[in-house]
Amino acid sequence: MVISSMNFKGGAGKTMVCTNLAVAFAQAGKKVCIVDTDDSFAATKWAGRREEQGLKPSIPIAQMTEPKTIVALVRQLDQDNDVIIIDGPPRLNALVSKIILLSDMVIIPVPPKSGNDREVTEDFLQRFDSIQEQRTDNTRTAAYLLPNMVKDNYNLHTTFIASLPILCEDYGVKIFDTRLNDLVGFGEANQFGLGVTEYTSEKAKKQFLTLYSEIITKLQN
């Protein structure tokens, strides 16, 4: 199984989704590996902090920024792991098409901060939609928008999220029921090489476990 987290806007939370999802799968007894294709290598640095402290479960990581070999790498890793989680590049490049076509699910974190966030998300969805035409099996990669860094009772965020179903309809994607709030716990857990489900922030932990359960349900359907 291959799950990727992608958005063309840096700071949307795609690495946070990858690292926390990897920990959640590992805690559930799955053998999981992260493929880091973002040249900032934020996921790799997180894994390094985790390894330095000898934290368990171990989360192996592979770096890959070369589009010519990404397919072979993921297929090889898929033979030895239950779940491959790909941290996508934060910009349009040659890796994007290959990652989307390799994925069983694409998660698109969307911070509801400004009109620019919506425009960047639409740019990604346009690219996503065009890539589906390259498929030869008459299927589509499942893709879900994930509202992230949401502030409750904040009118800008409420209005932004209310506009997302229109994008979903236009580009053939869906939206998670789960919303992730703008919680300090997500950043603090990352600092220590932890997943939020291993950390002390109960609210952040509960939210991510809700997302994880929703992801599992959608993968099984």
N, C-alpha and C. Protein backbone atom coordinates (compact mmCIF):
# COMPACT_ATOMS: atom_id res chain seq x y z
N MET A 1 0.84 -1.19 0.00
CA MET A 1 0.00 0.00 0.00
C MET A 1 0.88 1.25 0.00
N VAL A 2 0.55 2.21 -0.86
CA VAL A 2 1.33 3.43 -0.97
C VAL A 2 0.42 4.63 -0.72
N ILE A 3 0.78 5.44 0.26
CA ILE A 3 0.03 6.66 0.60
C ILE A 3 1.00 7.83 0.45
N SER A 4 0.57 8.87 -0.22
CA SER A 4 1.42 10.05 -0.35
C SER A 4 0.73 11.27 0.24
N SER A 5 1.53 12.21 0.70
CA SER A 5 1.04 13.48 1.23
C SER A 5 1.66 14.57 0.38
N MET A 6 0.82 15.37 -0.30
CA MET A 6 1.33 16.30 -1.30
C MET A 6 0.56 17.61 -1.29
N ASN A 7 1.29 18.69 -1.56
CA ASN A 7 0.72 20.00 -1.83
C ASN A 7 1.85 20.84 -2.41
N PHE A 8 1.52 21.74 -3.32
CA PHE A 8 2.57 22.57 -3.91
C PHE A 8 3.01 23.71 -3.00
N LYS A 9 2.32 23.90 -1.88
CA LYS A 9 2.66 25.00 -0.98
C LYS A 9 3.45 24.48 0.22
N GLY A 10 4.64 25.01 0.43
CA GLY A 10 5.40 24.64 1.61
C GLY A 10 4.69 25.09 2.88
N GLY A 11 4.83 24.34 3.95
CA GLY A 11 4.20 24.70 5.21
C GLY A 11 2.75 24.28 5.34
N ALA A 12 2.26 23.48 4.38
CA ALA A 12 0.87 23.03 4.43
C ALA A 12 0.66 21.92 5.44
N GLY A 13 1.74 21.24 5.81
CA GLY A 13 1.64 20.16 6.80
C GLY A 13 1.79 18.77 6.22
N LYS A 14 2.31 18.67 5.00
CA LYS A 14 2.42 17.34 4.39
C LYS A 14 3.42 16.44 5.13
N THR A 15 4.53 16.98 5.59
CA THR A 15 5.49 16.16 6.33
C THR A 15 4.92 15.74 7.68
N MET A 16 4.19 16.64 8.32
CA MET A 16 3.54 16.30 9.59
C MET A 16 2.59 15.11 9.41
N VAL A 17 1.83 15.13 8.32
CA VAL A 17 0.93 14.01 8.03
C VAL A 17 1.72 12.72 7.85
N CYS A 18 2.80 12.79 7.09
CA CYS A 18 3.61 11.59 6.82
C CYS A 18 4.18 10.97 8.09
N THR A 19 4.83 11.80 8.90
CA THR A 19 5.51 11.26 10.08
C THR A 19 4.51 10.71 11.09
N ASN A 20 3.42 11.43 11.30
CA ASN A 20 2.43 10.97 12.27
C ASN A 20 1.69 9.73 11.77
N LEU A 21 1.45 9.68 10.47
CA LEU A 21 0.79 8.51 9.91
C LEU A 21 1.70 7.28 9.99
N ALA A 22 2.99 7.49 9.76
CA ALA A 22 3.95 6.39 9.86
C ALA A 22 3.96 5.81 11.28
N VAL A 23 3.97 6.67 12.28
CA VAL A 23 3.97 6.21 13.66
C VAL A 23 2.67 5.46 13.97
N ALA A 24 1.54 6.00 13.53
CA ALA A 24 0.25 5.36 13.80
C ALA A 24 0.18 3.96 13.19
N PHE A 25 0.65 3.82 11.96
CA PHE A 25 0.67 2.49 11.32
C PHE A 25 1.62 1.56 12.06
N ALA A 26 2.79 2.07 12.44
CA ALA A 26 3.77 1.24 13.15
C ALA A 26 3.23 0.79 14.50
N GLN A 27 2.53 1.68 15.20
CA GLN A 27 1.94 1.32 16.48
C GLN A 27 0.86 0.25 16.31
N ALA A 28 0.26 0.21 15.12
CA ALA A 28 -0.77 -0.80 14.83
C ALA A 28 -0.16 -2.12 14.36
N GLY A 29 1.18 -2.21 14.39
CA GLY A 29 1.85 -3.45 14.04
C GLY A 29 2.22 -3.58 12.58
N LYS A 30 2.07 -2.51 11.80
CA LYS A 30 2.40 -2.56 10.39
C LYS A 30 3.88 -2.21 10.17
N LYS A 31 4.46 -2.84 9.17
CA LYS A 31 5.83 -2.51 8.78
C LYS A 31 5.75 -1.35 7.80
N VAL A 32 6.34 -0.22 8.17
CA VAL A 32 6.14 1.01 7.41
C VAL A 32 7.46 1.69 7.10
N CYS A 33 7.52 2.34 5.95
CA CYS A 33 8.71 3.08 5.53
C CYS A 33 8.27 4.41 4.92
N ILE A 34 9.02 5.47 5.21
CA ILE A 34 8.78 6.78 4.59
C ILE A 34 9.75 6.97 3.44
N VAL A 35 9.24 7.48 2.32
CA VAL A 35 10.09 7.90 1.20
C VAL A 35 10.04 9.43 1.15
N ASP A 36 11.18 10.06 1.37
CA ASP A 36 11.27 11.52 1.46
C ASP A 36 11.74 12.07 0.11
N THR A 37 10.81 12.72 -0.62
CA THR A 37 11.15 13.29 -1.93
C THR A 37 11.21 14.81 -1.91
N ASP A 38 11.08 15.39 -0.73
CA ASP A 38 11.16 16.85 -0.55
C ASP A 38 12.62 17.19 -0.29
N ASP A 39 13.20 18.07 -1.13
CA ASP A 39 14.64 18.33 -0.99
C ASP A 39 15.01 19.12 0.25
N SER A 40 14.02 19.50 1.08
CA SER A 40 14.34 20.04 2.40
C SER A 40 14.62 18.91 3.39
N PHE A 41 14.18 17.69 3.03
CA PHE A 41 14.38 16.47 3.82
C PHE A 41 13.92 16.63 5.28
N ALA A 42 12.77 17.26 5.46
CA ALA A 42 12.23 17.45 6.80
C ALA A 42 11.88 16.12 7.45
N ALA A 43 11.33 15.19 6.68
CA ALA A 43 10.98 13.88 7.24
C ALA A 43 12.24 13.11 7.64
N THR A 44 13.29 13.25 6.83
CA THR A 44 14.57 12.59 7.15
C THR A 44 15.15 13.14 8.45
N LYS A 45 15.07 14.44 8.64
CA LYS A 45 15.58 15.05 9.86
C LYS A 45 14.77 14.59 11.08
N TRP A 46 13.46 14.50 10.90
CA TRP A 46 12.60 13.97 11.98
C TRP A 46 13.02 12.54 12.33
N ALA A 47 13.23 11.71 11.32
CA ALA A 47 13.63 10.32 11.56
C ALA A 47 14.99 10.26 12.24
N GLY A 48 15.88 11.21 11.90
CA GLY A 48 17.19 11.26 12.56
C GLY A 48 17.07 11.56 14.03
N ARG A 49 16.19 12.50 14.38
CA ARG A 49 15.97 12.80 15.80
C ARG A 49 15.42 11.58 16.53
N ARG A 50 14.56 10.86 15.85
CA ARG A 50 13.96 9.66 16.43
C ARG A 50 15.03 8.58 16.66
N GLU A 51 15.89 8.41 15.66
CA GLU A 51 16.93 7.38 15.75
C GLU A 51 17.94 7.72 16.85
N GLU A 52 18.30 8.99 16.97
CA GLU A 52 19.27 9.42 17.99
C GLU A 52 18.81 9.04 19.40
N GLN A 53 17.49 9.06 19.60
CA GLN A 53 16.95 8.74 20.92
C GLN A 53 16.59 7.27 21.08
N GLY A 54 16.79 6.50 20.01
CA GLY A 54 16.50 5.08 20.08
C GLY A 54 15.03 4.78 20.28
N LEU A 55 14.17 5.62 19.73
CA LEU A 55 12.73 5.45 19.93
C LEU A 55 12.18 4.26 19.14
N LYS A 56 11.23 3.60 19.72
CA LYS A 56 10.55 2.48 19.07
C LYS A 56 9.05 2.78 19.01
N PRO A 57 8.38 2.33 17.97
CA PRO A 57 8.87 1.53 16.85
C PRO A 57 9.78 2.36 15.92
N SER A 58 10.72 1.65 15.30
CA SER A 58 11.63 2.29 14.37
C SER A 58 10.90 2.61 13.06
N ILE A 59 11.19 3.79 12.49
CA ILE A 59 10.59 4.20 11.22
C ILE A 59 11.71 4.40 10.20
N PRO A 60 11.99 3.41 9.36
CA PRO A 60 13.04 3.59 8.33
C PRO A 60 12.62 4.62 7.30
N ILE A 61 13.62 5.24 6.70
CA ILE A 61 13.34 6.30 5.73
C ILE A 61 14.30 6.19 4.55
N ALA A 62 13.79 6.48 3.36
CA ALA A 62 14.60 6.48 2.14
C ALA A 62 14.45 7.84 1.47
N GLN A 63 15.57 8.43 1.04
CA GLN A 63 15.53 9.69 0.31
C GLN A 63 15.51 9.41 -1.19
N MET A 64 14.68 10.18 -1.92
CA MET A 64 14.63 9.99 -3.36
C MET A 64 14.14 11.27 -4.02
N THR A 65 15.00 11.92 -4.79
CA THR A 65 14.59 13.11 -5.54
C THR A 65 14.78 12.91 -7.04
N GLU A 66 15.10 11.67 -7.44
CA GLU A 66 15.36 11.36 -8.85
C GLU A 66 14.13 10.69 -9.46
N PRO A 67 13.42 11.37 -10.36
CA PRO A 67 12.19 10.79 -10.92
C PRO A 67 12.41 9.52 -11.72
N LYS A 68 13.60 9.34 -12.27
CA LYS A 68 13.84 8.16 -13.12
C LYS A 68 13.86 6.86 -12.33
N THR A 69 14.14 6.95 -11.03
CA THR A 69 14.28 5.72 -10.24
C THR A 69 13.25 5.59 -9.12
N ILE A 70 12.33 6.55 -8.99
CA ILE A 70 11.36 6.51 -7.90
C ILE A 70 10.45 5.28 -8.00
N VAL A 71 10.06 4.91 -9.21
CA VAL A 71 9.14 3.78 -9.39
C VAL A 71 9.80 2.49 -8.91
N ALA A 72 11.04 2.27 -9.34
CA ALA A 72 11.75 1.05 -8.94
C ALA A 72 11.95 0.99 -7.44
N LEU A 73 12.29 2.14 -6.83
CA LEU A 73 12.51 2.17 -5.38
C LEU A 73 11.24 1.83 -4.62
N VAL A 74 10.13 2.47 -4.99
CA VAL A 74 8.89 2.23 -4.27
C VAL A 74 8.42 0.79 -4.45
N ARG A 75 8.56 0.25 -5.64
CA ARG A 75 8.15 -1.14 -5.86
C ARG A 75 9.00 -2.10 -5.04
N GLN A 76 10.29 -1.80 -4.92
CA GLN A 76 11.17 -2.65 -4.11
C GLN A 76 10.79 -2.55 -2.63
N LEU A 77 10.56 -1.34 -2.14
CA LEU A 77 10.19 -1.16 -0.74
C LEU A 77 8.83 -1.80 -0.45
N ASP A 78 7.95 -1.77 -1.44
CA ASP A 78 6.61 -2.31 -1.25
C ASP A 78 6.63 -3.82 -1.02
N GLN A 79 7.68 -4.47 -1.49
CA GLN A 79 7.81 -5.92 -1.28
C GLN A 79 8.14 -6.25 0.17
N ASP A 80 8.77 -5.32 0.86
CA ASP A 80 9.27 -5.59 2.21
C ASP A 80 8.49 -4.86 3.31
N ASN A 81 7.50 -4.05 2.93
CA ASN A 81 6.76 -3.26 3.90
C ASN A 81 5.26 -3.38 3.65
N ASP A 82 4.49 -3.16 4.72
CA ASP A 82 3.03 -3.14 4.58
C ASP A 82 2.55 -1.81 4.02
N VAL A 83 3.24 -0.73 4.42
CA VAL A 83 2.81 0.61 4.03
C VAL A 83 4.03 1.45 3.64
N ILE A 84 3.95 2.10 2.48
CA ILE A 84 4.94 3.08 2.06
C ILE A 84 4.27 4.45 2.12
N ILE A 85 4.88 5.40 2.81
CA ILE A 85 4.34 6.75 2.92
C ILE A 85 5.31 7.71 2.25
N ILE A 86 4.83 8.43 1.23
CA ILE A 86 5.69 9.32 0.45
C ILE A 86 5.43 10.77 0.82
N ASP A 87 6.48 11.46 1.24
CA ASP A 87 6.42 12.90 1.49
C ASP A 87 6.76 13.58 0.18
N GLY A 88 5.73 14.13 -0.50
CA GLY A 88 5.91 14.68 -1.83
C GLY A 88 6.65 16.00 -1.85
N PRO A 89 7.12 16.41 -3.03
CA PRO A 89 7.81 17.70 -3.17
C PRO A 89 6.82 18.85 -3.07
N PRO A 90 7.26 20.00 -2.53
CA PRO A 90 6.36 21.14 -2.34
C PRO A 90 6.26 22.03 -3.58
N ARG A 91 6.48 21.47 -4.73
CA ARG A 91 6.43 22.25 -5.97
C ARG A 91 6.20 21.30 -7.14
N LEU A 92 5.82 21.86 -8.26
CA LEU A 92 5.61 21.05 -9.45
C LEU A 92 6.96 20.63 -10.02
N ASN A 93 7.21 19.33 -10.07
CA ASN A 93 8.40 18.83 -10.74
C ASN A 93 8.10 17.44 -11.31
N ALA A 94 9.10 16.82 -11.89
CA ALA A 94 8.88 15.56 -12.60
C ALA A 94 8.48 14.41 -11.68
N LEU A 95 8.75 14.56 -10.39
CA LEU A 95 8.38 13.50 -9.45
C LEU A 95 6.88 13.41 -9.21
N VAL A 96 6.19 14.53 -9.35
CA VAL A 96 4.79 14.60 -8.95
C VAL A 96 3.94 13.57 -9.68
N SER A 97 4.05 13.51 -11.00
CA SER A 97 3.23 12.56 -11.77
C SER A 97 3.48 11.13 -11.35
N LYS A 98 4.74 10.78 -11.17
CA LYS A 98 5.07 9.41 -10.82
C LYS A 98 4.54 9.04 -9.44
N ILE A 99 4.65 9.97 -8.49
CA ILE A 99 4.16 9.69 -7.14
C ILE A 99 2.64 9.49 -7.14
N ILE A 100 1.94 10.36 -7.84
CA ILE A 100 0.48 10.24 -7.90
C ILE A 100 0.07 8.89 -8.50
N LEU A 101 0.72 8.49 -9.58
CA LEU A 101 0.36 7.23 -10.23
C LEU A 101 0.76 6.01 -9.40
N LEU A 102 1.76 6.17 -8.55
CA LEU A 102 2.19 5.07 -7.68
C LEU A 102 1.27 4.90 -6.46
N SER A 103 0.54 5.96 -6.11
CA SER A 103 -0.16 6.00 -4.83
C SER A 103 -1.53 5.32 -4.88
N ASP A 104 -1.86 4.65 -3.78
CA ASP A 104 -3.22 4.16 -3.58
C ASP A 104 -4.11 5.26 -3.01
N MET A 105 -3.49 6.20 -2.31
CA MET A 105 -4.22 7.35 -1.76
C MET A 105 -3.29 8.55 -1.71
N VAL A 106 -3.80 9.71 -2.14
CA VAL A 106 -3.08 10.97 -2.02
C VAL A 106 -3.81 11.84 -0.99
N ILE A 107 -3.09 12.26 0.04
CA ILE A 107 -3.63 13.16 1.05
C ILE A 107 -3.10 14.56 0.75
N ILE A 108 -4.01 15.54 0.68
CA ILE A 108 -3.63 16.90 0.32
C ILE A 108 -3.94 17.83 1.49
N PRO A 109 -2.96 18.07 2.37
CA PRO A 109 -3.21 18.99 3.49
C PRO A 109 -3.45 20.41 2.98
N VAL A 110 -4.47 21.06 3.50
CA VAL A 110 -4.84 22.40 3.04
C VAL A 110 -4.97 23.32 4.26
N PRO A 111 -4.04 24.26 4.44
CA PRO A 111 -4.20 25.25 5.52
C PRO A 111 -5.14 26.35 5.07
N PRO A 112 -6.20 26.63 5.81
CA PRO A 112 -7.20 27.61 5.36
C PRO A 112 -6.84 29.03 5.74
N LYS A 113 -5.70 29.50 5.30
CA LYS A 113 -5.20 30.78 5.78
C LYS A 113 -5.51 31.95 4.86
N SER A 114 -5.54 31.71 3.54
CA SER A 114 -5.71 32.84 2.62
C SER A 114 -6.20 32.35 1.28
N GLY A 115 -6.55 33.29 0.42
CA GLY A 115 -6.94 32.94 -0.94
C GLY A 115 -5.82 32.26 -1.68
N ASN A 116 -4.59 32.61 -1.35
CA ASN A 116 -3.45 31.99 -2.02
C ASN A 116 -3.40 30.50 -1.74
N ASP A 117 -3.77 30.08 -0.52
CA ASP A 117 -3.78 28.66 -0.19
C ASP A 117 -4.78 27.91 -1.08
N ARG A 118 -5.92 28.53 -1.33
CA ARG A 118 -6.91 27.90 -2.19
C ARG A 118 -6.41 27.83 -3.63
N GLU A 119 -5.76 28.90 -4.09
CA GLU A 119 -5.24 28.93 -5.46
C GLU A 119 -4.17 27.86 -5.67
N VAL A 120 -3.28 27.73 -4.69
CA VAL A 120 -2.22 26.71 -4.80
C VAL A 120 -2.83 25.32 -4.79
N THR A 121 -3.84 25.12 -3.94
CA THR A 121 -4.51 23.83 -3.90
C THR A 121 -5.18 23.53 -5.23
N GLU A 122 -5.81 24.53 -5.83
CA GLU A 122 -6.44 24.31 -7.14
C GLU A 122 -5.40 24.01 -8.22
N ASP A 123 -4.25 24.67 -8.15
CA ASP A 123 -3.17 24.36 -9.09
C ASP A 123 -2.78 22.89 -8.98
N PHE A 124 -2.66 22.42 -7.73
CA PHE A 124 -2.31 21.01 -7.54
C PHE A 124 -3.40 20.11 -8.09
N LEU A 125 -4.66 20.44 -7.84
CA LEU A 125 -5.76 19.59 -8.29
C LEU A 125 -5.86 19.57 -9.81
N GLN A 126 -5.55 20.67 -10.46
CA GLN A 126 -5.52 20.68 -11.93
C GLN A 126 -4.47 19.71 -12.44
N ARG A 127 -3.31 19.74 -11.79
CA ARG A 127 -2.23 18.82 -12.17
C ARG A 127 -2.64 17.37 -11.88
N PHE A 128 -3.24 17.17 -10.73
CA PHE A 128 -3.70 15.83 -10.34
C PHE A 128 -4.69 15.29 -11.37
N ASP A 129 -5.64 16.12 -11.77
CA ASP A 129 -6.67 15.68 -12.72
C ASP A 129 -6.06 15.32 -14.07
N SER A 130 -5.10 16.10 -14.53
CA SER A 130 -4.49 15.82 -15.83
C SER A 130 -3.65 14.54 -15.79
N ILE A 131 -3.06 14.26 -14.64
CA ILE A 131 -2.24 13.04 -14.51
C ILE A 131 -3.09 11.79 -14.60
N GLN A 132 -4.35 11.88 -14.16
CA GLN A 132 -5.23 10.70 -14.22
C GLN A 132 -5.41 10.20 -15.65
N GLU A 133 -5.26 11.10 -16.61
CA GLU A 133 -5.41 10.70 -18.01
C GLU A 133 -4.30 9.77 -18.47
N GLN A 134 -3.20 9.73 -17.70
CA GLN A 134 -2.09 8.84 -18.06
C GLN A 134 -2.35 7.40 -17.65
N ARG A 135 -3.36 7.18 -16.81
CA ARG A 135 -3.65 5.82 -16.34
C ARG A 135 -4.21 4.99 -17.48
N THR A 136 -3.86 3.72 -17.49
CA THR A 136 -4.32 2.82 -18.55
C THR A 136 -5.32 1.79 -18.05
N ASP A 137 -5.70 1.89 -16.76
CA ASP A 137 -6.59 0.88 -16.18
C ASP A 137 -7.99 1.42 -15.87
N ASN A 138 -8.30 2.61 -16.41
CA ASN A 138 -9.63 3.20 -16.24
C ASN A 138 -10.01 3.44 -14.78
N THR A 139 -9.02 3.67 -13.93
CA THR A 139 -9.27 3.99 -12.52
C THR A 139 -8.67 5.36 -12.22
N ARG A 140 -8.95 5.87 -11.03
CA ARG A 140 -8.38 7.12 -10.56
C ARG A 140 -7.72 6.90 -9.21
N THR A 141 -6.62 7.57 -8.98
CA THR A 141 -6.01 7.56 -7.66
C THR A 141 -6.95 8.26 -6.69
N ALA A 142 -7.24 7.62 -5.57
CA ALA A 142 -8.09 8.24 -4.55
C ALA A 142 -7.34 9.42 -3.94
N ALA A 143 -8.01 10.56 -3.84
CA ALA A 143 -7.37 11.75 -3.27
C ALA A 143 -8.34 12.47 -2.35
N TYR A 144 -7.81 12.98 -1.24
CA TYR A 144 -8.64 13.62 -0.21
C TYR A 144 -7.97 14.90 0.28
N LEU A 145 -8.75 15.97 0.30
CA LEU A 145 -8.29 17.20 0.94
C LEU A 145 -8.39 17.04 2.45
N LEU A 146 -7.38 17.57 3.15
CA LEU A 146 -7.35 17.52 4.61
C LEU A 146 -7.21 18.94 5.16
N PRO A 147 -8.29 19.55 5.64
CA PRO A 147 -8.15 20.86 6.29
C PRO A 147 -7.21 20.75 7.49
N ASN A 148 -6.17 21.56 7.48
CA ASN A 148 -5.12 21.46 8.49
C ASN A 148 -4.84 22.84 9.08
N MET A 149 -4.40 22.86 10.35
CA MET A 149 -4.10 24.11 11.05
C MET A 149 -5.35 25.00 11.14
N VAL A 150 -6.48 24.36 11.39
CA VAL A 150 -7.76 25.06 11.45
C VAL A 150 -7.96 25.69 12.83
N LYS A 151 -8.43 26.93 12.84
CA LYS A 151 -8.81 27.60 14.09
C LYS A 151 -10.33 27.62 14.18
N ASP A 152 -10.84 27.00 15.23
CA ASP A 152 -12.29 26.94 15.42
C ASP A 152 -12.87 28.34 15.62
N ASN A 153 -14.07 28.53 15.10
CA ASN A 153 -14.81 29.79 15.26
C ASN A 153 -14.07 30.99 14.67
N TYR A 154 -13.24 30.72 13.66
CA TYR A 154 -12.51 31.79 12.97
C TYR A 154 -13.15 31.91 11.59
N ASN A 155 -13.80 33.04 11.33
CA ASN A 155 -14.64 33.18 10.13
C ASN A 155 -13.90 32.88 8.83
N LEU A 156 -12.66 33.36 8.71
CA LEU A 156 -11.89 33.12 7.49
C LEU A 156 -11.73 31.62 7.25
N HIS A 157 -11.42 30.87 8.30
CA HIS A 157 -11.23 29.44 8.16
C HIS A 157 -12.54 28.73 7.84
N THR A 158 -13.61 29.15 8.51
CA THR A 158 -14.91 28.53 8.27
C THR A 158 -15.35 28.74 6.82
N THR A 159 -15.17 29.95 6.32
CA THR A 159 -15.54 30.26 4.93
C THR A 159 -14.68 29.49 3.95
N PHE A 160 -13.39 29.42 4.23
CA PHE A 160 -12.45 28.70 3.36
C PHE A 160 -12.86 27.23 3.25
N ILE A 161 -13.08 26.59 4.38
CA ILE A 161 -13.41 25.17 4.38
C ILE A 161 -14.74 24.93 3.67
N ALA A 162 -15.68 25.85 3.82
CA ALA A 162 -16.97 25.71 3.16
C ALA A 162 -16.85 25.74 1.64
N SER A 163 -15.76 26.34 1.13
CA SER A 163 -15.55 26.42 -0.33
C SER A 163 -14.89 25.17 -0.91
N LEU A 164 -14.33 24.32 -0.06
CA LEU A 164 -13.57 23.17 -0.56
C LEU A 164 -14.40 22.13 -1.31
N PRO A 165 -15.65 21.85 -0.89
CA PRO A 165 -16.44 20.87 -1.66
C PRO A 165 -16.61 21.24 -3.14
N ILE A 166 -16.57 22.53 -3.46
CA ILE A 166 -16.67 22.95 -4.87
C ILE A 166 -15.44 22.48 -5.63
N LEU A 167 -14.26 22.63 -5.02
CA LEU A 167 -13.04 22.13 -5.64
C LEU A 167 -13.11 20.62 -5.81
N CYS A 168 -13.60 19.94 -4.80
CA CYS A 168 -13.71 18.48 -4.88
C CYS A 168 -14.57 18.06 -6.07
N GLU A 169 -15.68 18.73 -6.24
CA GLU A 169 -16.60 18.40 -7.34
C GLU A 169 -15.95 18.70 -8.69
N ASP A 170 -15.24 19.80 -8.77
CA ASP A 170 -14.62 20.20 -10.04
C ASP A 170 -13.51 19.25 -10.48
N TYR A 171 -12.79 18.67 -9.50
CA TYR A 171 -11.60 17.90 -9.84
C TYR A 171 -11.66 16.43 -9.43
N GLY A 172 -12.83 15.96 -9.03
CA GLY A 172 -13.00 14.53 -8.78
C GLY A 172 -12.24 14.01 -7.58
N VAL A 173 -12.12 14.84 -6.54
CA VAL A 173 -11.49 14.38 -5.30
C VAL A 173 -12.52 14.51 -4.18
N LYS A 174 -12.13 14.08 -2.97
CA LYS A 174 -13.04 14.13 -1.83
C LYS A 174 -12.37 14.90 -0.69
N ILE A 175 -13.07 15.02 0.41
CA ILE A 175 -12.54 15.75 1.56
C ILE A 175 -12.76 14.90 2.82
N PHE A 176 -11.76 14.86 3.67
CA PHE A 176 -11.90 14.14 4.93
C PHE A 176 -12.92 14.83 5.83
N ASP A 177 -13.62 14.04 6.61
CA ASP A 177 -14.49 14.62 7.65
C ASP A 177 -13.65 15.23 8.77
N THR A 178 -12.49 14.64 9.02
CA THR A 178 -11.61 15.10 10.10
C THR A 178 -10.97 16.44 9.76
N ARG A 179 -10.90 17.30 10.73
CA ARG A 179 -10.17 18.57 10.63
C ARG A 179 -9.07 18.55 11.68
N LEU A 180 -7.88 18.98 11.32
CA LEU A 180 -6.79 19.09 12.29
C LEU A 180 -6.65 20.54 12.71
N ASN A 181 -6.73 20.80 13.99
CA ASN A 181 -6.61 22.16 14.49
C ASN A 181 -5.16 22.63 14.54
N ASP A 182 -5.01 23.92 14.70
CA ASP A 182 -3.69 24.55 14.82
C ASP A 182 -3.21 24.38 16.26
N LEU A 183 -2.67 23.19 16.54
CA LEU A 183 -2.31 22.82 17.91
C LEU A 183 -0.80 22.76 18.08
N VAL A 184 -0.32 23.28 19.19
CA VAL A 184 1.12 23.29 19.48
C VAL A 184 1.67 21.86 19.56
N GLY A 185 0.84 20.93 19.99
CA GLY A 185 1.30 19.55 20.16
C GLY A 185 1.89 18.93 18.92
N PHE A 186 1.37 19.29 17.74
CA PHE A 186 1.90 18.72 16.51
C PHE A 186 3.35 19.15 16.29
N GLY A 187 3.63 20.42 16.51
CA GLY A 187 5.00 20.93 16.34
C GLY A 187 5.94 20.41 17.41
N GLU A 188 5.46 20.35 18.65
CA GLU A 188 6.31 19.88 19.74
C GLU A 188 6.69 18.42 19.55
N ALA A 189 5.75 17.59 19.15
CA ALA A 189 6.05 16.17 18.92
C ALA A 189 7.12 16.02 17.85
N ASN A 190 6.99 16.79 16.78
CA ASN A 190 7.97 16.74 15.69
C ASN A 190 9.37 17.08 16.18
N GLN A 191 9.47 18.08 17.06
CA GLN A 191 10.77 18.51 17.59
C GLN A 191 11.54 17.37 18.23
N PHE A 192 10.81 16.44 18.83
CA PHE A 192 11.44 15.35 19.58
C PHE A 192 11.48 14.04 18.79
N GLY A 193 11.16 14.10 17.49
CA GLY A 193 11.18 12.89 16.69
C GLY A 193 10.04 11.94 17.04
N LEU A 194 8.97 12.49 17.56
CA LEU A 194 7.82 11.68 17.97
C LEU A 194 6.66 11.84 17.00
N GLY A 195 5.76 10.88 17.03
CA GLY A 195 4.44 11.07 16.47
C GLY A 195 3.56 11.65 17.56
N VAL A 196 2.54 12.38 17.18
CA VAL A 196 1.69 13.01 18.19
C VAL A 196 0.96 11.97 19.02
N THR A 197 0.79 10.76 18.48
CA THR A 197 0.14 9.69 19.25
C THR A 197 1.07 9.14 20.34
N GLU A 198 2.33 9.55 20.32
CA GLU A 198 3.28 9.16 21.37
C GLU A 198 3.52 10.30 22.36
N TYR A 199 2.91 11.44 22.09
CA TYR A 199 3.22 12.66 22.85
C TYR A 199 2.13 12.93 23.89
N THR A 200 2.34 13.99 24.67
CA THR A 200 1.47 14.26 25.82
C THR A 200 0.24 15.11 25.48
N SER A 201 0.16 15.62 24.25
CA SER A 201 -0.96 16.47 23.87
C SER A 201 -2.17 15.60 23.53
N GLU A 202 -3.09 15.46 24.47
CA GLU A 202 -4.22 14.56 24.28
C GLU A 202 -5.15 15.02 23.16
N LYS A 203 -5.34 16.33 23.03
CA LYS A 203 -6.23 16.83 21.99
C LYS A 203 -5.68 16.54 20.60
N ALA A 204 -4.38 16.81 20.41
CA ALA A 204 -3.75 16.53 19.12
C ALA A 204 -3.75 15.03 18.83
N LYS A 205 -3.46 14.23 19.85
CA LYS A 205 -3.46 12.78 19.70
C LYS A 205 -4.84 12.28 19.27
N LYS A 206 -5.87 12.76 19.93
CA LYS A 206 -7.24 12.33 19.62
C LYS A 206 -7.61 12.70 18.18
N GLN A 207 -7.25 13.93 17.77
CA GLN A 207 -7.57 14.35 16.41
C GLN A 207 -6.87 13.48 15.38
N PHE A 208 -5.59 13.19 15.61
CA PHE A 208 -4.88 12.41 14.59
C PHE A 208 -5.36 10.97 14.55
N LEU A 209 -5.69 10.40 15.70
CA LEU A 209 -6.22 9.04 15.69
C LEU A 209 -7.57 8.98 14.97
N THR A 210 -8.35 10.05 15.07
CA THR A 210 -9.61 10.12 14.32
C THR A 210 -9.33 10.13 12.82
N LEU A 211 -8.32 10.91 12.41
CA LEU A 211 -7.92 10.93 11.00
C LEU A 211 -7.42 9.56 10.56
N TYR A 212 -6.58 8.95 11.37
CA TYR A 212 -6.04 7.64 11.04
C TYR A 212 -7.16 6.61 10.84
N SER A 213 -8.14 6.63 11.72
CA SER A 213 -9.27 5.70 11.59
C SER A 213 -10.05 5.96 10.31
N GLU A 214 -10.20 7.24 9.97
CA GLU A 214 -10.92 7.57 8.73
C GLU A 214 -10.14 7.10 7.51
N ILE A 215 -8.82 7.25 7.54
CA ILE A 215 -7.98 6.79 6.43
C ILE A 215 -8.10 5.28 6.26
N ILE A 216 -8.02 4.53 7.35
CA ILE A 216 -8.14 3.08 7.29
C ILE A 216 -9.49 2.69 6.68
N THR A 217 -10.54 3.33 7.12
CA THR A 217 -11.88 3.02 6.61
C THR A 217 -11.97 3.27 5.11
N LYS A 218 -11.43 4.38 4.66
CA LYS A 218 -11.50 4.70 3.23
C LYS A 218 -10.62 3.77 2.39
N LEU A 219 -9.51 3.33 2.92
CA LEU A 219 -8.65 2.39 2.20
C LEU A 219 -9.33 1.03 2.06
N GLN A 220 -10.14 0.67 3.01
CA GLN A 220 -10.79 -0.63 3.00
C GLN A 220 -12.04 -0.66 2.12
N ASN A 221 -12.59 0.51 1.83
CA ASN A 221 -13.81 0.57 1.02
C ASN A 221 -13.51 0.51 -0.48
